[in-house]
């Protein structure tokens, strides 16, 4: 394997590992966002100074934000599938060693 090929493989591996890390961080963000939205909706649902329209509005926006965060995570996974790419590169690298 030439020096250029080795460098290219190292760059691919580095990118794959970065994508795996990004996917993991995005999953944590999505989970945190969902928790925060649920907590926020629960807090305003029992607030005595808010009318029913405000409570429904808060709930709607919290639900919408939660759905958007999940949609972002799903879109990123569909477009890049980083874990599969990373595993393929790691597997190919071990075969070429």
Protein backbone atom coordinates (compact mmCIF):
# COMPACT_ATOMS: atom_id res chain seq x y z
CA UNK A 1 0.00 0.00 0.00
CA UNK A 2 1.45 3.35 -1.01
CA UNK A 3 1.93 6.28 1.37
CA UNK A 4 -0.91 8.16 -0.35
CA UNK A 5 -3.27 5.21 0.07
CA UNK A 6 -2.37 4.92 3.76
CA UNK A 7 -3.03 8.62 4.28
CA UNK A 8 -6.36 8.34 2.46
CA UNK A 9 -7.39 5.37 4.61
CA UNK A 10 -6.38 7.25 7.78
CA UNK A 11 -8.48 10.23 6.68
CA UNK A 12 -11.46 7.97 5.98
CA UNK A 13 -11.07 6.33 9.38
CA UNK A 14 -10.80 9.72 11.09
CA UNK A 15 -13.92 10.95 9.29
CA UNK A 16 -15.82 7.76 10.13
CA UNK A 17 -14.92 8.05 13.80
CA UNK A 18 -15.95 11.72 13.79
CA UNK A 19 -19.30 10.76 12.25
CA UNK A 20 -19.85 8.06 14.87
CA UNK A 21 -19.08 10.60 17.62
CA UNK A 22 -21.45 13.13 16.00
CA UNK A 23 -24.20 10.52 15.81
CA UNK A 24 -23.74 9.66 19.49
CA UNK A 25 -23.81 13.34 20.49
CA UNK A 26 -26.90 13.95 18.36
CA UNK A 27 -28.65 11.03 20.05
CA UNK A 28 -27.87 12.47 23.49
CA UNK A 29 -29.09 15.90 22.35
CA UNK A 30 -32.31 14.39 21.02
CA UNK A 31 -32.93 12.54 24.29
CA UNK A 32 -32.21 15.68 26.34
CA UNK A 33 -34.49 17.74 24.13
CA UNK A 34 -37.34 15.24 24.47
CA UNK A 35 -36.93 15.18 28.26
CA UNK A 36 -36.87 18.98 28.47
CA UNK A 37 -39.95 19.31 26.26
CA UNK A 38 -41.89 16.78 28.34
CA UNK A 39 -40.83 18.47 31.58
CA UNK A 40 -41.77 21.92 30.26
CA UNK A 41 -45.18 20.71 29.13
CA UNK A 42 -45.82 19.11 32.51
CA UNK A 43 -44.86 22.27 34.38
CA UNK A 44 -47.15 24.58 32.44
CA UNK A 45 -50.05 22.12 32.42
CA UNK A 46 -50.66 22.69 36.14
CA UNK A 47 -49.77 26.38 36.32
CA UNK A 48 -52.67 28.27 37.95
CA UNK A 49 -52.01 31.60 36.17
CA UNK A 50 -52.14 30.26 32.61
CA UNK A 51 -55.30 29.89 30.60
CA UNK A 52 -56.11 26.74 28.63
CA UNK A 53 -55.06 28.25 25.28
CA UNK A 54 -51.60 29.13 26.62
CA UNK A 55 -51.17 25.66 28.11
CA UNK A 56 -52.14 24.03 24.80
CA UNK A 57 -49.79 26.37 22.93
CA UNK A 58 -46.86 25.48 25.17
CA UNK A 59 -47.67 21.78 24.79
CA UNK A 60 -47.97 22.07 21.02
CA UNK A 61 -44.63 23.88 20.66
CA UNK A 62 -42.85 21.47 23.01
CA UNK A 63 -44.19 18.52 21.02
CA UNK A 64 -43.21 20.16 17.73
CA UNK A 65 -39.66 20.85 18.97
CA UNK A 66 -39.32 17.25 20.13
CA UNK A 67 -40.49 16.00 16.71
CA UNK A 68 -38.06 18.33 14.88
CA UNK A 69 -35.12 17.11 16.99
CA UNK A 70 -36.03 13.49 16.25
CA UNK A 71 -36.47 14.30 12.56
CA UNK A 72 -33.01 15.88 12.46
CA UNK A 73 -31.49 12.79 14.05
CA UNK A 74 -33.31 10.47 11.64
CA UNK A 75 -32.32 12.58 8.62
CA UNK A 76 -28.65 12.59 9.59
CA UNK A 77 -28.69 8.83 10.08
CA UNK A 78 -30.34 8.19 6.74
CA UNK A 79 -27.92 10.41 4.84
CA UNK A 80 -24.67 9.27 6.37
CA UNK A 81 -25.24 6.11 8.42
CA UNK A 82 -21.97 6.82 10.28
CA UNK A 83 -21.85 3.67 12.39
CA UNK A 84 -22.09 1.44 9.34
CA UNK A 85 -19.50 3.49 7.44
CA UNK A 86 -17.15 3.42 10.44
CA UNK A 87 -17.48 -0.32 10.88
CA UNK A 88 -16.85 -0.92 7.17
CA UNK A 89 -13.68 1.20 7.20
CA UNK A 90 -12.40 -0.45 10.37
CA UNK A 91 -13.10 -3.89 8.91
CA UNK A 92 -11.39 -3.05 5.59
CA UNK A 93 -8.41 -1.60 7.42
CA UNK A 94 -7.93 -4.80 9.45
CA UNK A 95 -8.09 -6.87 6.28
CA UNK A 96 -5.39 -4.75 4.61
CA UNK A 97 -2.98 -4.84 7.60
